[in-house]
C-alpha atoms as a PDB file:
ATOM      1  CA  UNK A   1     -26.272  41.872-107.919  1.00  0.00           C
ATOM      2  CA  UNK A   2     -22.630  41.454-108.955  1.00  0.00           C
ATOM      3  CA  UNK A   3     -21.711  40.698-105.344  1.00  0.00           C
ATOM      4  CA  UNK A   4     -24.503  38.161-104.836  1.00  0.00           C
ATOM      5  CA  UNK A   5     -22.328  35.054-105.589  1.00  0.00           C
ATOM      6  CA  UNK A   6     -19.640  36.308-103.182  1.00  0.00           C
ATOM      7  CA  UNK A   7     -22.162  37.057-100.438  1.00  0.00           C
ATOM      8  CA  UNK A   8     -23.865  33.694-100.950  1.00  0.00           C
ATOM      9  CA  UNK A   9     -20.494  31.915-100.702  1.00  0.00           C
ATOM     10  CA  UNK A  10     -19.679  33.731 -97.452  1.00  0.00           C
ATOM     11  CA  UNK A  11     -23.088  32.859 -95.958  1.00  0.00           C
ATOM     12  CA  UNK A  12     -22.755  29.177 -96.918  1.00  0.00           C
ATOM     13  CA  UNK A  13     -19.225  28.992 -95.440  1.00  0.00           C
ATOM     14  CA  UNK A  14     -20.442  30.634 -92.235  1.00  0.00           C
ATOM     15  CA  UNK A  15     -23.363  28.226 -91.884  1.00  0.00           C
ATOM     16  CA  UNK A  16     -21.124  25.205 -92.472  1.00  0.00           C
ATOM     17  CA  UNK A  17     -18.643  26.393 -89.851  1.00  0.00           C
ATOM     18  CA  UNK A  18     -21.461  26.642 -87.297  1.00  0.00           C
ATOM     19  CA  UNK A  19     -22.355  22.964 -87.663  1.00  0.00           C
ATOM     20  CA  UNK A  20     -22.559  21.332 -84.245  1.00  0.00           C
ATOM     21  CA  UNK A  21     -20.218  18.460 -83.554  1.00  0.00           C
ATOM     22  CA  UNK A  22     -21.786  15.788 -81.414  1.00  0.00           C
ATOM     23  CA  UNK A  23     -19.907  15.676 -78.084  1.00  0.00           C
ATOM     24  CA  UNK A  24     -20.442  11.913 -77.892  1.00  0.00           C
ATOM     25  CA  UNK A  25     -18.404  11.400 -81.086  1.00  0.00           C
ATOM     26  CA  UNK A  26     -15.228  11.928 -79.025  1.00  0.00           C
ATOM     27  CA  UNK A  27     -16.212   8.990 -76.816  1.00  0.00           C
ATOM     28  CA  UNK A  28     -16.922   6.434 -79.569  1.00  0.00           C
ATOM     29  CA  UNK A  29     -14.382   3.700 -80.337  1.00  0.00           C
ATOM     30  CA  UNK A  30     -14.302   0.671 -82.616  1.00  0.00           C
ATOM     31  CA  UNK A  31     -13.285  -2.475 -80.712  1.00  0.00           C
ATOM     32  CA  UNK A  32     -11.418  -5.328 -82.397  1.00  0.00           C
ATOM     33  CA  UNK A  33     -10.210  -8.369 -80.448  1.00  0.00           C
ATOM     34  CA  UNK A  34      -7.710 -10.889 -81.817  1.00  0.00           C
ATOM     35  CA  UNK A  35      -7.600 -14.513 -80.667  1.00  0.00           C
ATOM     36  CA  UNK A  36      -4.528 -15.767 -78.821  1.00  0.00           C
ATOM     37  CA  UNK A  37      -1.254 -14.724 -80.390  1.00  0.00           C
ATOM     38  CA  UNK A  38      -2.745 -14.727 -83.884  1.00  0.00           C
ATOM     39  CA  UNK A  39      -4.078 -11.900 -86.004  1.00  0.00           C
ATOM     40  CA  UNK A  40      -7.442 -13.678 -86.394  1.00  0.00           C
ATOM     41  CA  UNK A  41     -10.260 -11.305 -85.471  1.00  0.00           C
ATOM     42  CA  UNK A  42     -12.607 -12.975 -82.977  1.00  0.00           C
ATOM     43  CA  UNK A  43     -14.763 -10.090 -81.681  1.00  0.00           C
ATOM     44  CA  UNK A  44     -15.770  -6.732 -83.182  1.00  0.00           C
ATOM     45  CA  UNK A  45     -17.958  -3.930 -81.956  1.00  0.00           C
ATOM     46  CA  UNK A  46     -18.220  -0.510 -80.382  1.00  0.00           C
ATOM     47  CA  UNK A  47     -17.344   1.030 -77.048  1.00  0.00           C
ATOM     48  CA  UNK A  48     -18.185   4.369 -75.526  1.00  0.00           C
ATOM     49  CA  UNK A  49     -15.563   5.558 -73.037  1.00  0.00           C
ATOM     50  CA  UNK A  50     -16.119   8.359 -70.535  1.00  0.00           C
ATOM     51  CA  UNK A  51     -12.770   9.367 -69.047  1.00  0.00           C
ATOM     52  CA  UNK A  52     -13.078  11.471 -65.895  1.00  0.00           C
ATOM     53  CA  UNK A  53     -10.702  14.151 -64.677  1.00  0.00           C
ATOM     54  CA  UNK A  54      -9.635  11.729 -61.916  1.00  0.00           C
ATOM     55  CA  UNK A  55      -8.613   9.144 -64.594  1.00  0.00           C
ATOM     56  CA  UNK A  56     -11.576   6.849 -63.923  1.00  0.00           C
ATOM     57  CA  UNK A  57     -13.217   5.282 -66.960  1.00  0.00           C
ATOM     58  CA  UNK A  58     -16.855   4.275 -67.334  1.00  0.00           C
ATOM     59  CA  UNK A  59     -18.803   3.356 -70.416  1.00  0.00           C
ATOM     60  CA  UNK A  60     -20.721   0.821 -72.423  1.00  0.00           C
ATOM     61  CA  UNK A  61     -19.950  -1.783 -75.062  1.00  0.00           C
ATOM     62  CA  UNK A  62     -21.779  -3.655 -77.808  1.00  0.00           C
ATOM     63  CA  UNK A  63     -19.931  -6.441 -79.630  1.00  0.00           C
ATOM     64  CA  UNK A  64     -20.388  -9.617 -81.633  1.00  0.00           C
ATOM     65  CA  UNK A  65     -18.323 -12.722 -82.179  1.00  0.00           C
ATOM     66  CA  UNK A  66     -16.892 -13.195 -85.698  1.00  0.00           C
ATOM     67  CA  UNK A  67     -14.636 -15.529 -87.648  1.00  0.00           C
ATOM     68  CA  UNK A  68     -16.218 -18.794 -86.513  1.00  0.00           C
ATOM     69  CA  UNK A  69     -15.408 -18.224 -82.843  1.00  0.00           C
ATOM     70  CA  UNK A  70     -17.897 -18.714 -79.997  1.00  0.00           C
ATOM     71  CA  UNK A  71     -18.342 -17.600 -76.401  1.00  0.00           C
ATOM     72  CA  UNK A  72     -16.462 -20.768 -75.399  1.00  0.00           C
ATOM     73  CA  UNK A  73     -13.411 -19.265 -77.156  1.00  0.00           C
ATOM     74  CA  UNK A  74     -13.646 -15.593 -76.196  1.00  0.00           C
ATOM     75  CA  UNK A  75     -15.671 -15.522 -72.983  1.00  0.00           C
ATOM     76  CA  UNK A  76     -18.262 -12.939 -71.957  1.00  0.00           C
ATOM     77  CA  UNK A  77     -17.106 -10.124 -74.244  1.00  0.00           C
ATOM     78  CA  UNK A  78     -19.979 -10.556 -76.696  1.00  0.00           C
ATOM     79  CA  UNK A  79     -23.350  -8.859 -76.472  1.00  0.00           C
ATOM     80  CA  UNK A  80     -23.752  -5.634 -74.503  1.00  0.00           C
ATOM     81  CA  UNK A  81     -22.649  -4.354 -71.140  1.00  0.00           C
ATOM     82  CA  UNK A  82     -21.088  -1.689 -68.985  1.00  0.00           C
ATOM     83  CA  UNK A  83     -17.408  -1.240 -68.312  1.00  0.00           C
ATOM     84  CA  UNK A  84     -15.286   0.356 -65.617  1.00  0.00           C
ATOM     85  CA  UNK A  85     -11.630   1.048 -65.175  1.00  0.00           C
ATOM     86  CA  UNK A  86      -8.932   3.645 -64.753  1.00  0.00           C
ATOM     87  CA  UNK A  87      -5.730   5.062 -66.134  1.00  0.00           C
ATOM     88  CA  UNK A  88      -2.606   4.759 -64.006  1.00  0.00           C
ATOM     89  CA  UNK A  89       1.047   5.410 -64.865  1.00  0.00           C
ATOM     90  CA  UNK A  90       0.285   5.718 -68.583  1.00  0.00           C
ATOM     91  CA  UNK A  91      -1.603   2.406 -68.776  1.00  0.00           C
ATOM     92  CA  UNK A  92      -5.313   1.834 -68.768  1.00  0.00           C
ATOM     93  CA  UNK A  93      -7.226  -0.987 -67.128  1.00  0.00           C
ATOM     94  CA  UNK A  94     -10.816  -1.900 -68.040  1.00  0.00           C
ATOM     95  CA  UNK A  95     -13.231  -4.574 -66.870  1.00  0.00           C
ATOM     96  CA  UNK A  96     -15.973  -5.426 -69.350  1.00  0.00           C
ATOM     97  CA  UNK A  97     -18.106  -7.066 -66.648  1.00  0.00           C
ATOM     98  CA  UNK A  98     -17.414  -5.066 -63.484  1.00  0.00           C
ATOM     99  CA  UNK A  99     -18.624  -6.744 -60.337  1.00  0.00           C
ATOM    100  CA  UNK A 100     -17.752 -10.241 -61.583  1.00  0.00           C
ATOM    101  CA  UNK A 101     -14.461 -11.664 -60.375  1.00  0.00           C
ATOM    102  CA  UNK A 102     -14.802 -15.138 -61.866  1.00  0.00           C
ATOM    103  CA  UNK A 103     -16.288 -14.419 -65.309  1.00  0.00           C
ATOM    104  CA  UNK A 104     -14.775 -11.191 -66.526  1.00  0.00           C
ATOM    105  CA  UNK A 105     -12.821  -9.787 -69.432  1.00  0.00           C
ATOM    106  CA  UNK A 106      -9.910  -7.586 -68.358  1.00  0.00           C
ATOM    107  CA  UNK A 107      -8.392  -5.184 -70.883  1.00  0.00           C
ATOM    108  CA  UNK A 108      -4.934  -3.757 -70.189  1.00  0.00           C
ATOM    109  CA  UNK A 109      -3.179  -1.449 -72.599  1.00  0.00           C
ATOM    110  CA  UNK A 110      -1.523   1.789 -73.551  1.00  0.00           C
ATOM    111  CA  UNK A 111      -2.736   4.841 -75.431  1.00  0.00           C
ATOM    112  CA  UNK A 112      -1.535   6.162 -78.762  1.00  0.00           C
ATOM    113  CA  UNK A 113      -3.054   9.033 -80.716  1.00  0.00           C
ATOM    114  CA  UNK A 114      -6.800   8.240 -80.904  1.00  0.00           C
ATOM    115  CA  UNK A 115      -6.103   4.549 -80.271  1.00  0.00           C
ATOM    116  CA  UNK A 116      -5.641   2.113 -77.396  1.00  0.00           C
ATOM    117  CA  UNK A 117      -4.085  -1.316 -77.767  1.00  0.00           C
ATOM    118  CA  UNK A 118      -3.110  -4.114 -75.450  1.00  0.00           C
ATOM    119  CA  UNK A 119      -4.232  -7.521 -74.214  1.00  0.00           C
ATOM    120  CA  UNK A 120      -7.568  -9.014 -73.210  1.00  0.00           C
ATOM    121  CA  UNK A 121      -7.823 -11.840 -70.692  1.00  0.00           C
ATOM    122  CA  UNK A 122     -10.883 -13.959 -69.875  1.00  0.00           C
ATOM    123  CA  UNK A 123     -10.731 -14.811 -66.191  1.00  0.00           C
ATOM    124  CA  UNK A 124     -13.146 -17.580 -65.235  1.00  0.00           C
ATOM    125  CA  UNK A 125     -13.643 -19.779 -62.177  1.00  0.00           C
ATOM    126  CA  UNK A 126     -10.537 -21.823 -63.089  1.00  0.00           C
ATOM    127  CA  UNK A 127      -8.325 -18.764 -63.744  1.00  0.00           C
ATOM    128  CA  UNK A 128      -7.126 -17.483 -67.120  1.00  0.00           C
ATOM    129  CA  UNK A 129      -9.259 -19.319 -69.672  1.00  0.00           C
ATOM    130  CA  UNK A 130      -8.445 -17.444 -72.877  1.00  0.00           C
ATOM    131  CA  UNK A 131      -6.602 -14.328 -74.010  1.00  0.00           C
ATOM    132  CA  UNK A 132      -5.489 -12.273 -76.972  1.00  0.00           C
ATOM    133  CA  UNK A 133      -4.807  -8.737 -78.103  1.00  0.00           C
ATOM    134  CA  UNK A 134      -7.153  -5.868 -78.944  1.00  0.00           C
ATOM    135  CA  UNK A 135      -7.386  -2.395 -80.453  1.00  0.00           C
ATOM    136  CA  UNK A 136      -9.737   0.455 -79.638  1.00  0.00           C
ATOM    137  CA  UNK A 137      -9.719   3.037 -82.407  1.00  0.00           C
ATOM    138  CA  UNK A 138     -11.525   6.370 -82.150  1.00  0.00           C
ATOM    139  CA  UNK A 139     -14.262   6.715 -84.755  1.00  0.00           C
END
């Protein structure tokens, strides 16, 4: 019985080390968009990125407008949707509304440790309608 506390401690440590980590956790990112050249947050939400071995990116997003902004300010990057893109020459390119040429949000950026940052551009029928910067930070 003297060894019972030691044995119990070893069993508990073993069980904790066997805890499964959800594979999808590595794909989850927090999305923050900033309006224009300011540091005013205009959109926040989540993205799930699936990066293939061929550097293609697919995924989903769910966001909401914040800070008194509206869709007229930030374009169609609020709500939910699918995204597509790729990584090329150290940069990544994402479209938040793939298949739409005239009402899309393009994200272009670079990768740091567990984080992507760059610029977002709303391309509408008349061309570039609005833009700003963004960060994607791994959860």
